[in-house]
C-alpha atoms as a PDB file:
ATOM      1  CA  MET A   1     -24.244  -3.961  -6.151  1.00  0.00           C
ATOM      2  CA  PRO A   2     -27.070  -2.263  -4.097  1.00  0.00           C
ATOM      3  CA  LYS A   3     -27.553   1.472  -4.272  1.00  0.00           C
ATOM      4  CA  ARG A   4     -29.002   3.048  -1.346  1.00  0.00           C
ATOM      5  CA  GLY A   5     -29.416   6.585   0.200  1.00  0.00           C
ATOM      6  CA  PRO A   6     -27.563   7.710   3.208  1.00  0.00           C
ATOM      7  CA  ARG A   7     -28.874   6.085   6.623  1.00  0.00           C
ATOM      8  CA  PRO A   8     -30.395   8.688   9.212  1.00  0.00           C
ATOM      9  CA  GLY A   9     -27.268  10.235  10.865  1.00  0.00           C
ATOM     10  CA  ALA A  10     -24.831   8.779   8.506  1.00  0.00           C
ATOM     11  CA  ARG A  11     -21.624  10.484   7.265  1.00  0.00           C
ATOM     12  CA  GLY A  12     -21.821  11.521   3.686  1.00  0.00           C
ATOM     13  CA  PRO A  13     -19.073  13.332   1.603  1.00  0.00           C
ATOM     14  CA  GLY A  14     -17.632  16.048   3.752  1.00  0.00           C
ATOM     15  CA  GLY A  15     -19.193  14.864   6.995  1.00  0.00           C
ATOM     16  CA  THR A  16     -17.434  14.181  10.144  1.00  0.00           C
ATOM     17  CA  ALA A  17     -15.708  11.210  10.997  1.00  0.00           C
ATOM     18  CA  GLU A  18     -16.389  10.676  14.830  1.00  0.00           C
ATOM     19  CA  ALA A  19     -17.547   7.317  14.586  1.00  0.00           C
ATOM     20  CA  GLY A  20     -13.846   6.346  12.861  1.00  0.00           C
ATOM     21  CA  ARG A  21     -12.450   7.206  16.450  1.00  0.00           C
ATOM     22  CA  ARG A  22     -14.533   4.465  17.962  1.00  0.00           C
ATOM     23  CA  GLY A  23     -14.808   0.771  17.732  1.00  0.00           C
ATOM     24  CA  SER A  24     -12.299  -1.704  16.657  1.00  0.00           C
ATOM     25  CA  VAL A  25     -10.077  -1.290  13.462  1.00  0.00           C
ATOM     26  CA  LEU A  26     -10.642  -4.282  11.072  1.00  0.00           C
ATOM     27  CA  VAL A  27      -7.349  -4.359   8.764  1.00  0.00           C
ATOM     28  CA  LEU A  28      -8.422  -6.538   5.887  1.00  0.00           C
ATOM     29  CA  GLY A  29      -5.010  -8.002   4.457  1.00  0.00           C
ATOM     30  CA  GLY A  30      -3.550  -6.943   7.838  1.00  0.00           C
ATOM     31  CA  ALA A  31      -0.892  -9.498   7.588  1.00  0.00           C
ATOM     32  CA  GLY A  32       0.691  -8.268   4.538  1.00  0.00           C
ATOM     33  CA  TYR A  33       3.504  -5.883   4.103  1.00  0.00           C
ATOM     34  CA  ILE A  34       1.390  -2.361   4.315  1.00  0.00           C
ATOM     35  CA  GLY A  35      -1.092  -4.168   6.541  1.00  0.00           C
ATOM     36  CA  ARG A  36       1.209  -4.901   9.367  1.00  0.00           C
ATOM     37  CA  HIS A  37       2.470  -1.213   9.548  1.00  0.00           C
ATOM     38  CA  VAL A  38      -1.145  -0.175   9.418  1.00  0.00           C
ATOM     39  CA  CYS A  39      -1.943  -2.356  12.298  1.00  0.00           C
ATOM     40  CA  ALA A  40       0.847  -1.098  14.335  1.00  0.00           C
ATOM     41  CA  ALA A  41       0.249   2.503  13.665  1.00  0.00           C
ATOM     42  CA  PHE A  42      -3.416   2.136  14.885  1.00  0.00           C
ATOM     43  CA  ALA A  43      -2.303  -0.028  17.951  1.00  0.00           C
ATOM     44  CA  SER A  44       0.091   2.721  19.082  1.00  0.00           C
ATOM     45  CA  ARG A  45      -3.198   4.896  19.269  1.00  0.00           C
ATOM     46  CA  ASN A  46      -4.672   2.592  21.828  1.00  0.00           C
ATOM     47  CA  ARG A  47      -7.084   1.439  19.109  1.00  0.00           C
ATOM     48  CA  ASP A  48      -8.327  -2.251  19.303  1.00  0.00           C
ATOM     49  CA  VAL A  49      -7.023  -4.043  15.836  1.00  0.00           C
ATOM     50  CA  VAL A  50      -8.525  -6.976  14.364  1.00  0.00           C
ATOM     51  CA  VAL A  51      -6.703  -8.516  11.432  1.00  0.00           C
ATOM     52  CA  VAL A  52      -8.850 -10.056   8.485  1.00  0.00           C
ATOM     53  CA  GLY A  53      -7.347 -12.603   6.130  1.00  0.00           C
ATOM     54  CA  ARG A  54      -8.175 -15.559   3.781  1.00  0.00           C
ATOM     55  CA  ARG A  55      -5.589 -17.407   6.075  1.00  0.00           C
ATOM     56  CA  PRO A  56      -4.179 -17.328   9.382  1.00  0.00           C
ATOM     57  CA  PRO A  57      -0.896 -14.989   9.340  1.00  0.00           C
ATOM     58  CA  GLU A  58       2.159 -17.165   8.746  1.00  0.00           C
ATOM     59  CA  GLU A  59       3.970 -15.258  11.549  1.00  0.00           C
ATOM     60  CA  PRO A  60       2.498 -14.703  14.923  1.00  0.00           C
ATOM     61  CA  MET A  61       0.701 -11.131  15.192  1.00  0.00           C
ATOM     62  CA  PRO A  62      -0.291  -9.371  18.607  1.00  0.00           C
ATOM     63  CA  TYR A  63      -3.815  -8.740  17.513  1.00  0.00           C
ATOM     64  CA  ARG A  64      -6.933 -10.757  17.231  1.00  0.00           C
ATOM     65  CA  CYS A  65      -6.999 -12.662  13.917  1.00  0.00           C
ATOM     66  CA  VAL A  66      -9.975 -13.862  11.904  1.00  0.00           C
ATOM     67  CA  THR A  67     -10.146 -15.766   8.964  1.00  0.00           C
ATOM     68  CA  LEU A  68     -12.650 -14.658   6.222  1.00  0.00           C
ATOM     69  CA  ASP A  69     -12.665 -15.157   2.513  1.00  0.00           C
ATOM     70  CA  LEU A  70     -14.089 -11.889   1.133  1.00  0.00           C
ATOM     71  CA  ALA A  71     -14.288 -13.023  -2.334  1.00  0.00           C
ATOM     72  CA  GLY A  72     -16.060 -16.304  -1.540  1.00  0.00           C
ATOM     73  CA  ALA A  73     -18.197 -15.496   1.534  1.00  0.00           C
ATOM     74  CA  ASP A  74     -21.848 -14.902   1.227  1.00  0.00           C
ATOM     75  CA  PRO A  75     -22.418 -10.900   1.896  1.00  0.00           C
ATOM     76  CA  ALA A  76     -25.073 -11.454   4.600  1.00  0.00           C
ATOM     77  CA  ALA A  77     -22.621 -13.862   6.546  1.00  0.00           C
ATOM     78  CA  LEU A  78     -19.700 -11.626   5.838  1.00  0.00           C
ATOM     79  CA  ALA A  79     -21.852  -8.618   7.272  1.00  0.00           C
ATOM     80  CA  ALA A  80     -22.936 -10.412  10.344  1.00  0.00           C
ATOM     81  CA  ALA A  81     -19.271 -11.380  11.086  1.00  0.00           C
ATOM     82  CA  LEU A  82     -17.988  -7.792  10.512  1.00  0.00           C
ATOM     83  CA  ASP A  83     -20.672  -6.644  12.531  1.00  0.00           C
ATOM     84  CA  ALA A  84     -19.821  -8.913  15.555  1.00  0.00           C
ATOM     85  CA  ALA A  85     -16.513  -6.957  15.600  1.00  0.00           C
ATOM     86  CA  ARG A  86     -18.180  -3.517  15.936  1.00  0.00           C
ATOM     87  CA  PRO A  87     -15.882  -1.732  13.815  1.00  0.00           C
ATOM     88  CA  GLY A  88     -15.277   2.056  13.743  1.00  0.00           C
ATOM     89  CA  THR A  89     -13.060   1.829  10.912  1.00  0.00           C
ATOM     90  CA  ILE A  90     -12.316  -0.871   8.050  1.00  0.00           C
ATOM     91  CA  VAL A  91      -9.099  -0.612   6.208  1.00  0.00           C
ATOM     92  CA  ASN A  92      -9.301  -2.492   2.990  1.00  0.00           C
ATOM     93  CA  ALA A  93      -5.391  -3.501   2.337  1.00  0.00           C
ATOM     94  CA  VAL A  94      -6.138  -6.417   0.207  1.00  0.00           C
ATOM     95  CA  GLY A  95      -3.782  -6.608  -2.683  1.00  0.00           C
ATOM     96  CA  SER A  96      -2.275  -9.130  -5.041  1.00  0.00           C
ATOM     97  CA  ILE A  97       0.797 -10.004  -6.777  1.00  0.00           C
ATOM     98  CA  TRP A  98       2.534 -10.075 -10.115  1.00  0.00           C
ATOM     99  CA  GLY A  99       2.450 -12.640 -12.581  1.00  0.00           C
ATOM    100  CA  ARG A 100      -1.334 -13.507 -12.755  1.00  0.00           C
ATOM    101  CA  THR A 101      -3.739 -13.359 -15.777  1.00  0.00           C
ATOM    102  CA  ASP A 102      -6.128 -10.564 -16.218  1.00  0.00           C
ATOM    103  CA  GLU A 103      -8.869 -13.056 -14.812  1.00  0.00           C
ATOM    104  CA  GLN A 104      -6.828 -14.029 -12.003  1.00  0.00           C
ATOM    105  CA  MET A 105      -5.949 -10.620 -10.937  1.00  0.00           C
ATOM    106  CA  TRP A 106      -9.712  -9.521 -11.138  1.00  0.00           C
ATOM    107  CA  SER A 107     -10.612 -12.362  -9.097  1.00  0.00           C
ATOM    108  CA  ALA A 108      -7.621 -11.401  -6.403  1.00  0.00           C
ATOM    109  CA  THR A 109      -7.864  -7.787  -6.417  1.00  0.00           C
ATOM    110  CA  ALA A 110     -11.122  -6.151  -7.559  1.00  0.00           C
ATOM    111  CA  VAL A 111     -13.652  -8.970  -6.504  1.00  0.00           C
ATOM    112  CA  PRO A 112     -12.902  -8.896  -2.702  1.00  0.00           C
ATOM    113  CA  THR A 113     -13.528  -4.746  -2.658  1.00  0.00           C
ATOM    114  CA  LEU A 114     -16.858  -5.352  -4.732  1.00  0.00           C
ATOM    115  CA  ARG A 115     -17.999  -7.888  -2.284  1.00  0.00           C
ATOM    116  CA  LEU A 116     -16.950  -5.681   0.892  1.00  0.00           C
ATOM    117  CA  LEU A 117     -19.011  -2.984  -0.583  1.00  0.00           C
ATOM    118  CA  GLU A 118     -22.021  -5.283  -0.886  1.00  0.00           C
ATOM    119  CA  THR A 119     -21.448  -6.231   2.757  1.00  0.00           C
ATOM    120  CA  LEU A 120     -21.166  -2.729   3.879  1.00  0.00           C
ATOM    121  CA  ALA A 121     -24.739  -2.176   2.575  1.00  0.00           C
ATOM    122  CA  LEU A 122     -26.006  -4.865   4.827  1.00  0.00           C
ATOM    123  CA  MET A 123     -24.186  -4.059   7.898  1.00  0.00           C
ATOM    124  CA  THR A 124     -26.011  -2.472  10.947  1.00  0.00           C
ATOM    125  CA  THR A 125     -22.748  -0.371  11.997  1.00  0.00           C
ATOM    126  CA  ARG A 126     -21.576   2.386   9.760  1.00  0.00           C
ATOM    127  CA  PRO A 127     -17.666   2.081   9.617  1.00  0.00           C
ATOM    128  CA  ARG A 128     -15.255   4.307   7.979  1.00  0.00           C
ATOM    129  CA  LEU A 129     -13.705   2.639   4.962  1.00  0.00           C
ATOM    130  CA  VAL A 130     -10.149   3.403   4.102  1.00  0.00           C
ATOM    131  CA  HIS A 131      -9.230   1.760   0.717  1.00  0.00           C
ATOM    132  CA  LEU A 132      -5.844   1.346  -0.278  1.00  0.00           C
ATOM    133  CA  GLY A 133      -5.588   1.851  -4.101  1.00  0.00           C
ATOM    134  CA  SER A 134      -2.364   2.200  -6.222  1.00  0.00           C
ATOM    135  CA  VAL A 135      -0.787   4.675  -8.239  1.00  0.00           C
ATOM    136  CA  LEU A 136      -0.528   1.950 -11.167  1.00  0.00           C
ATOM    137  CA  GLU A 137      -4.323   2.877 -11.613  1.00  0.00           C
ATOM    138  CA  TYR A 138      -3.056   5.989 -13.450  1.00  0.00           C
ATOM    139  CA  GLY A 139      -0.962   4.032 -16.141  1.00  0.00           C
ATOM    140  CA  PRO A 140       1.934   5.720 -17.975  1.00  0.00           C
ATOM    141  CA  VAL A 141       2.796   9.149 -16.695  1.00  0.00           C
ATOM    142  CA  ARG A 142       4.361  11.770 -18.805  1.00  0.00           C
ATOM    143  CA  PRO A 143       7.861  12.422 -17.507  1.00  0.00           C
ATOM    144  CA  GLY A 144       8.363  15.509 -15.673  1.00  0.00           C
ATOM    145  CA  SER A 145       4.646  15.697 -14.652  1.00  0.00           C
ATOM    146  CA  SER A 146       2.797  14.754 -11.419  1.00  0.00           C
ATOM    147  CA  VAL A 147      -0.292  12.881 -10.789  1.00  0.00           C
ATOM    148  CA  GLY A 148      -3.110  13.768  -8.518  1.00  0.00           C
ATOM    149  CA  ALA A 149      -6.709  13.981  -7.770  1.00  0.00           C
ATOM    150  CA  ASP A 150      -7.418  15.539 -11.225  1.00  0.00           C
ATOM    151  CA  ALA A 151      -5.695  13.029 -13.314  1.00  0.00           C
ATOM    152  CA  VAL A 152      -7.527  10.750 -15.623  1.00  0.00           C
ATOM    153  CA  PRO A 153      -6.384   7.065 -14.943  1.00  0.00           C
ATOM    154  CA  ARG A 154      -5.445   5.116 -17.942  1.00  0.00           C
ATOM    155  CA  PRO A 155      -4.118   1.857 -16.520  1.00  0.00           C
ATOM    156  CA  ASP A 156      -2.093  -0.240 -19.046  1.00  0.00           C
ATOM    157  CA  THR A 157      -1.731  -3.364 -16.575  1.00  0.00           C
ATOM    158  CA  ALA A 158      -4.069  -6.206 -15.274  1.00  0.00           C
ATOM    159  CA  TYR A 159      -3.270  -4.850 -11.790  1.00  0.00           C
ATOM    160  CA  GLY A 160      -3.789  -1.251 -12.443  1.00  0.00           C
ATOM    161  CA  ARG A 161      -7.129  -2.215 -14.242  1.00  0.00           C
ATOM    162  CA  SER A 162      -8.394  -4.307 -11.398  1.00  0.00           C
ATOM    163  CA  LYS A 163      -7.179  -1.815  -8.604  1.00  0.00           C
ATOM    164  CA  LEU A 164      -8.970   0.988 -10.553  1.00  0.00           C
ATOM    165  CA  ALA A 165     -12.185  -0.771 -10.550  1.00  0.00           C
ATOM    166  CA  ALA A 166     -11.891  -1.383  -7.141  1.00  0.00           C
ATOM    167  CA  SER A 167     -11.064   2.160  -6.332  1.00  0.00           C
ATOM    168  CA  GLU A 168     -13.935   3.610  -8.531  1.00  0.00           C
ATOM    169  CA  ALA A 169     -16.449   1.389  -6.974  1.00  0.00           C
ATOM    170  CA  VAL A 170     -15.531   3.031  -3.326  1.00  0.00           C
ATOM    171  CA  LEU A 171     -15.570   6.546  -4.773  1.00  0.00           C
ATOM    172  CA  ARG A 172     -18.948   6.064  -6.348  1.00  0.00           C
ATOM    173  CA  GLY A 173     -20.374   4.736  -3.289  1.00  0.00           C
ATOM    174  CA  THR A 174     -18.902   7.674  -1.167  1.00  0.00           C
ATOM    175  CA  ALA A 175     -20.091  10.198  -3.824  1.00  0.00           C
ATOM    176  CA  GLY A 176     -23.623   8.525  -3.496  1.00  0.00           C
ATOM    177  CA  GLY A 177     -23.677   8.881   0.426  1.00  0.00           C
ATOM    178  CA  TRP A 178     -24.034   5.151   1.084  1.00  0.00           C
ATOM    179  CA  VAL A 179     -20.349   4.421   1.673  1.00  0.00           C
ATOM    180  CA  ASP A 180     -18.263   6.521   4.141  1.00  0.00           C
ATOM    181  CA  GLY A 181     -15.035   6.110   2.329  1.00  0.00           C
ATOM    182  CA  VAL A 182     -11.640   7.567   1.679  1.00  0.00           C
ATOM    183  CA  VAL A 183      -9.453   6.217  -1.331  1.00  0.00           C
ATOM    184  CA  LEU A 184      -5.723   6.491  -1.124  1.00  0.00           C
ATOM    185  CA  ARG A 185      -3.925   5.878  -4.079  1.00  0.00           C
ATOM    186  CA  VAL A 186      -0.410   4.798  -2.900  1.00  0.00           C
ATOM    187  CA  SER A 187       2.924   5.152  -4.643  1.00  0.00           C
ATOM    188  CA  ASN A 188       6.102   2.695  -4.661  1.00  0.00           C
ATOM    189  CA  VAL A 189       6.534   1.780  -1.011  1.00  0.00           C
ATOM    190  CA  SER A 190       9.834   1.207   0.780  1.00  0.00           C
ATOM    191  CA  GLY A 191      10.840   0.638   4.382  1.00  0.00           C
ATOM    192  CA  PRO A 192      11.133  -2.072   7.124  1.00  0.00           C
ATOM    193  CA  GLY A 193       9.864  -5.414   5.809  1.00  0.00           C
ATOM    194  CA  THR A 194       9.823  -5.018   2.117  1.00  0.00           C
ATOM    195  CA  PRO A 195       8.662  -8.113   0.305  1.00  0.00           C
ATOM    196  CA  ARG A 196      11.179 -10.275  -1.802  1.00  0.00           C
ATOM    197  CA  ILE A 197       9.201  -9.549  -4.958  1.00  0.00           C
ATOM    198  CA  SER A 198       9.977  -5.737  -4.701  1.00  0.00           C
ATOM    199  CA  LEU A 199      13.064  -4.113  -6.310  1.00  0.00           C
ATOM    200  CA  LEU A 200      14.610  -3.628  -2.755  1.00  0.00           C
ATOM    201  CA  GLY A 201      13.769  -7.020  -1.877  1.00  0.00           C
ATOM    202  CA  GLN A 202      15.575  -8.345  -4.889  1.00  0.00           C
ATOM    203  CA  VAL A 203      18.658  -6.222  -3.968  1.00  0.00           C
ATOM    204  CA  ALA A 204      18.438  -7.468  -0.254  1.00  0.00           C
ATOM    205  CA  GLU A 205      18.477 -11.259  -1.505  1.00  0.00           C
ATOM    206  CA  ARG A 206      21.779 -10.723  -3.204  1.00  0.00           C
ATOM    207  CA  LEU A 207      23.215  -8.558  -0.477  1.00  0.00           C
ATOM    208  CA  LEU A 208      22.216 -11.086   2.330  1.00  0.00           C
ATOM    209  CA  ALA A 209      23.953 -13.924   0.393  1.00  0.00           C
ATOM    210  CA  ALA A 210      27.283 -11.726   0.302  1.00  0.00           C
ATOM    211  CA  ALA A 211      26.844 -10.050   3.793  1.00  0.00           C
ATOM    212  CA  GLY A 212      29.702 -10.928   6.263  1.00  0.00           C
ATOM    213  CA  ARG A 213      32.043 -12.436   3.547  1.00  0.00           C
ATOM    214  CA  SER A 214      35.121 -11.007   1.743  1.00  0.00           C
ATOM    215  CA  THR A 215      33.481 -11.384  -1.526  1.00  0.00           C
ATOM    216  CA  GLU A 216      31.698  -8.704  -3.474  1.00  0.00           C
ATOM    217  CA  ALA A 217      28.124  -9.060  -3.997  1.00  0.00           C
ATOM    218  CA  VAL A 218      26.851  -9.105  -7.562  1.00  0.00           C
ATOM    219  CA  VAL A 219      23.214  -7.442  -7.718  1.00  0.00           C
ATOM    220  CA  GLU A 220      21.894  -8.284 -11.384  1.00  0.00           C
ATOM    221  CA  LEU A 221      18.716  -6.374 -12.062  1.00  0.00           C
ATOM    222  CA  SER A 222      16.786  -5.539 -15.162  1.00  0.00           C
ATOM    223  CA  ARG A 223      17.705  -1.929 -16.693  1.00  0.00           C
ATOM    224  CA  LEU A 224      17.265   0.765 -13.987  1.00  0.00           C
ATOM    225  CA  ARG A 225      16.017   3.514 -16.241  1.00  0.00           C
ATOM    226  CA  ALA A 226      12.722   4.571 -14.123  1.00  0.00           C
ATOM    227  CA  HIS A 227      12.054   7.298 -12.024  1.00  0.00           C
ATOM    228  CA  ARG A 228       9.322   6.520  -9.270  1.00  0.00           C
ATOM    229  CA  ASP A 229       7.933   8.038  -6.250  1.00  0.00           C
ATOM    230  CA  TYR A 230       9.020   6.097  -3.181  1.00  0.00           C
ATOM    231  CA  VAL A 231       7.089   6.643   0.280  1.00  0.00           C
ATOM    232  CA  ASP A 232       8.015   4.944   3.619  1.00  0.00           C
ATOM    233  CA  VAL A 233       5.644   2.168   4.632  1.00  0.00           C
ATOM    234  CA  ARG A 234       5.148   3.713   7.923  1.00  0.00           C
ATOM    235  CA  ASP A 235       4.435   6.932   6.479  1.00  0.00           C
ATOM    236  CA  VAL A 236       1.526   5.027   4.370  1.00  0.00           C
ATOM    237  CA  ALA A 237       0.308   3.631   7.651  1.00  0.00           C
ATOM    238  CA  ASP A 238       0.228   7.305   9.264  1.00  0.00           C
ATOM    239  CA  ALA A 239      -1.944   8.416   6.150  1.00  0.00           C
ATOM    240  CA  VAL A 240      -4.362   5.477   6.589  1.00  0.00           C
ATOM    241  CA  VAL A 241      -4.881   6.573  10.316  1.00  0.00           C
ATOM    242  CA  ALA A 242      -5.298  10.264   9.010  1.00  0.00           C
ATOM    243  CA  ALA A 243      -7.816   9.063   6.607  1.00  0.00           C
ATOM    244  CA  ALA A 244      -9.961   7.196   9.307  1.00  0.00           C
ATOM    245  CA  TYR A 245     -10.413  10.630  11.033  1.00  0.00           C
ATOM    246  CA  ALA A 246     -10.990  12.736   8.255  1.00  0.00           C
ATOM    247  CA  PRO A 247     -14.198  13.748   6.649  1.00  0.00           C
ATOM    248  CA  ALA A 248     -15.132  11.270   3.721  1.00  0.00           C
ATOM    249  CA  VAL A 249     -14.054  12.531   0.187  1.00  0.00           C
ATOM    250  CA  PRO A 250     -15.146  11.402  -3.186  1.00  0.00           C
ATOM    251  CA  VAL A 251     -11.770  11.909  -4.688  1.00  0.00           C
ATOM    252  CA  ALA A 252      -8.804   9.587  -4.615  1.00  0.00           C
ATOM    253  CA  VAL A 253      -5.990  11.107  -2.625  1.00  0.00           C
ATOM    254  CA  GLY A 254      -2.529  10.400  -3.605  1.00  0.00           C
ATOM    255  CA  ILE A 255      -0.061   9.119  -1.121  1.00  0.00           C
ATOM    256  CA  GLY A 256       3.757   9.456  -1.923  1.00  0.00           C
ATOM    257  CA  ARG A 257       6.760  11.722  -1.312  1.00  0.00           C
ATOM    258  CA  GLY A 258       6.017  14.244  -3.961  1.00  0.00           C
ATOM    259  CA  GLU A 259       9.183  13.533  -5.935  1.00  0.00           C
ATOM    260  CA  ALA A 260      10.508  11.196  -8.365  1.00  0.00           C
ATOM    261  CA  VAL A 261      13.694   9.418  -7.734  1.00  0.00           C
ATOM    262  CA  ALA A 262      16.005   7.559 -10.148  1.00  0.00           C
ATOM    263  CA  VAL A 263      15.632   3.765  -8.981  1.00  0.00           C
ATOM    264  CA  ARG A 264      19.310   3.350  -9.837  1.00  0.00           C
ATOM    265  CA  ASP A 265      19.926   6.125  -6.940  1.00  0.00           C
ATOM    266  CA  LEU A 266      17.335   4.104  -4.545  1.00  0.00           C
ATOM    267  CA  VAL A 267      19.368   0.853  -5.198  1.00  0.00           C
ATOM    268  CA  ASP A 268      22.872   2.594  -4.481  1.00  0.00           C
ATOM    269  CA  LEU A 269      21.482   4.186  -1.356  1.00  0.00           C
ATOM    270  CA  PHE A 270      20.308   0.704  -0.215  1.00  0.00           C
ATOM    271  CA  ILE A 271      23.650  -0.733  -1.027  1.00  0.00           C
ATOM    272  CA  GLU A 272      25.307   2.056   0.979  1.00  0.00           C
ATOM    273  CA  ALA A 273      23.080   1.447   4.042  1.00  0.00           C
ATOM    274  CA  SER A 274      24.070  -2.288   4.111  1.00  0.00           C
ATOM    275  CA  GLY A 275      28.019  -1.472   4.146  1.00  0.00           C
ATOM    276  CA  THR A 276      28.205  -4.651   1.682  1.00  0.00           C
ATOM    277  CA  PRO A 277      30.566  -4.153  -1.076  1.00  0.00           C
ATOM    278  CA  ALA A 278      28.648  -4.745  -4.383  1.00  0.00           C
ATOM    279  CA  ARG A 279      28.661  -4.358  -7.941  1.00  0.00           C
ATOM    280  CA  VAL A 280      25.209  -3.627  -9.996  1.00  0.00           C
ATOM    281  CA  VAL A 281      24.866  -5.283 -13.310  1.00  0.00           C
ATOM    282  CA  GLU A 282      21.978  -4.254 -15.420  1.00  0.00           C
ATOM    283  CA  ARG A 283      20.511  -6.941 -17.801  1.00  0.00           C
ATOM    284  CA  PRO A 284      19.729  -5.728 -21.201  1.00  0.00           C
ATOM    285  CA  ALA A 285      16.088  -4.842 -22.045  1.00  0.00           C
ATOM    286  CA  ALA A 286      14.159  -7.805 -23.292  1.00  0.00           C
ATOM    287  CA  ASP A 287      12.860  -5.686 -26.274  1.00  0.00           C
ATOM    288  CA  ARG A 288      13.763  -2.470 -28.162  1.00  0.00           C
ATOM    289  CA  ALA A 289      10.522  -0.677 -26.880  1.00  0.00           C
ATOM    290  CA  SER A 290      10.731  -1.550 -23.195  1.00  0.00           C
ATOM    291  CA  GLY A 291      14.339  -0.449 -23.209  1.00  0.00           C
ATOM    292  CA  HIS A 292      13.614   2.870 -24.842  1.00  0.00           C
ATOM    293  CA  ARG A 293      10.545   3.619 -22.861  1.00  0.00           C
ATOM    294  CA  ASP A 294      10.496   6.274 -20.206  1.00  0.00           C
ATOM    295  CA  ASP A 295       9.196   5.114 -16.850  1.00  0.00           C
ATOM    296  CA  TRP A 296       8.298   8.061 -14.460  1.00  0.00           C
ATOM    297  CA  LEU A 297       5.958   8.720 -11.487  1.00  0.00           C
ATOM    298  CA  ARG A 298       5.635  11.583  -8.924  1.00  0.00           C
ATOM    299  CA  VAL A 299       2.745  12.083  -6.791  1.00  0.00           C
ATOM    300  CA  ASP A 300       0.964  15.563  -6.225  1.00  0.00           C
ATOM    301  CA  ILE A 301       0.434  15.117  -2.527  1.00  0.00           C
ATOM    302  CA  GLY A 302      -1.386  18.541  -2.284  1.00  0.00           C
ATOM    303  CA  ALA A 303      -4.780  16.861  -1.632  1.00  0.00           C
ATOM    304  CA  ALA A 304      -3.390  14.654   1.318  1.00  0.00           C
ATOM    305  CA  ARG A 305      -1.900  17.638   2.914  1.00  0.00           C
ATOM    306  CA  THR A 306      -5.220  19.711   2.519  1.00  0.00           C
ATOM    307  CA  LEU A 307      -7.943  16.840   3.072  1.00  0.00           C
ATOM    308  CA  LEU A 308      -6.131  14.658   5.600  1.00  0.00           C
ATOM    309  CA  GLY A 309      -3.427  16.935   7.068  1.00  0.00           C
ATOM    310  CA  TRP A 310      -0.754  14.398   6.244  1.00  0.00           C
ATOM    311  CA  GLU A 311       2.618  14.697   4.575  1.00  0.00           C
ATOM    312  CA  PRO A 312       5.601  12.198   4.810  1.00  0.00           C
ATOM    313  CA  ARG A 313       8.194  12.686   7.509  1.00  0.00           C
ATOM    314  CA  ARG A 314      10.553   9.964   6.592  1.00  0.00           C
ATOM    315  CA  SER A 315      13.482  10.690   4.240  1.00  0.00           C
ATOM    316  CA  LEU A 316      14.391   8.149   1.615  1.00  0.00           C
ATOM    317  CA  GLN A 317      17.791   7.493   3.169  1.00  0.00           C
ATOM    318  CA  GLU A 318      15.885   6.846   6.359  1.00  0.00           C
ATOM    319  CA  SER A 319      13.775   4.355   4.983  1.00  0.00           C
ATOM    320  CA  VAL A 320      16.187   2.280   3.079  1.00  0.00           C
ATOM    321  CA  ARG A 321      18.545   2.262   6.181  1.00  0.00           C
ATOM    322  CA  ASP A 322      15.753   1.182   8.289  1.00  0.00           C
ATOM    323  CA  CYS A 323      14.901  -1.360   5.857  1.00  0.00           C
ATOM    324  CA  TRP A 324      18.335  -3.020   5.957  1.00  0.00           C
ATOM    325  CA  LYS A 325      18.391  -2.734   9.852  1.00  0.00           C
ATOM    326  CA  ALA A 326      15.331  -4.896  10.021  1.00  0.00           C
ATOM    327  CA  LEU A 327      16.826  -7.441   7.593  1.00  0.00           C
ATOM    328  CA  ALA A 328      20.078  -7.425   9.376  1.00  0.00           C
ATOM    329  CA  ARG A 329      18.231  -8.027  12.696  1.00  0.00           C
ATOM    330  CA  ALA A 330      16.393 -10.971  11.337  1.00  0.00           C
ATOM    331  CA  HIS A 331      19.377 -12.626   9.826  1.00  0.00           C
ATOM    332  CA  ARG A 332      21.627 -11.719  12.994  1.00  0.00           C
ATOM    333  CA  LEU A 333      24.021  -9.529  11.000  1.00  0.00           C
ATOM    334  CA  PRO A 334      25.631  -6.495  12.353  1.00  0.00           C
ATOM    335  CA  THR A 335      23.123  -3.341  12.041  1.00  0.00           C
ATOM    336  CA  THR A 336      26.209  -0.707  11.586  1.00  0.00           C
ATOM    337  CA  PRO A 337      27.826  -0.968   8.216  1.00  0.00           C
ATOM    338  CA  SER A 338      31.385  -1.348   8.499  1.00  0.00           C
ATOM    339  CA  LYS A 339      32.408   0.409   5.183  1.00  0.00           C
ATOM    340  CA  PRO A 340      29.704   2.179   3.156  1.00  0.00           C
ATOM    341  CA  SER A 341      29.475   1.105  -0.697  1.00  0.00           C
ATOM    342  CA  GLY A 342      28.129   3.384  -3.411  1.00  0.00           C
ATOM    343  CA  GLY A 343      27.697   0.151  -5.600  1.00  0.00           C
END
């Protein structure tokens, strides 16, 4: 990756973000779960939004959509394509999915960001880059503690390692002054549009199958021992907007609610919001080690308050309620629960 000094008049660490308020907003991965909410958040602020993805969106979107393969494109050609949109902000919401090998995860998650940084060095415009990292970059967290900007990442999954490599590359460029960037390490996400692969997506699939019937839904899941920090996807989108206008900072900013919630409680809240009678069945752990391992995550959001002027506004109850309402509308089900159930 080319290393270069800051351009004349360019924004370095601690500089202003005035250019982030102008030009279009390119959302890489804008058709994804978080990306769609990021697009809506910028559009609500009258920004011109352009969705960039490897393939056209599966569902229509009210924005201009551009098909580009970040990992496979020539950096010079990619720079010309991005320059043509005259972006003031580029949001990197490119992610991946579970179930891939280390090599596949690296290609799908790290390579696009590394190629994007090469491209930024060749562009004539100087956009603000908001990169969405993951709290899984931290790796295992000691129960009762919080992770923030001063935590040392020690990822223990292929996804965490590839996301960390991408985030650190953006941070190095920002510290060096040749990237105008902000890295957000996002915790677990809930809210409208949650994907089927997520925990709530799995629960929703069972509830939808039983909704409107007299039978009880059986929600079978792996053991729910974890405590995780869940933040609403719309609050994440607001954090991205705040990062577009804040000064560039050479540290990763944690985005969460700042509280660890038992995932069993989260599941119970979701079932209650659905109004569907349900019984949760927890499968035994696959092995003894995983069955006794504490899984804990709480994000220190102090840096987000100080550096971005952001904090979460939506409660977990509101998040799961709106998640179910969106699913109910999509499946033409009543949106007002007839009888709450605690699971």
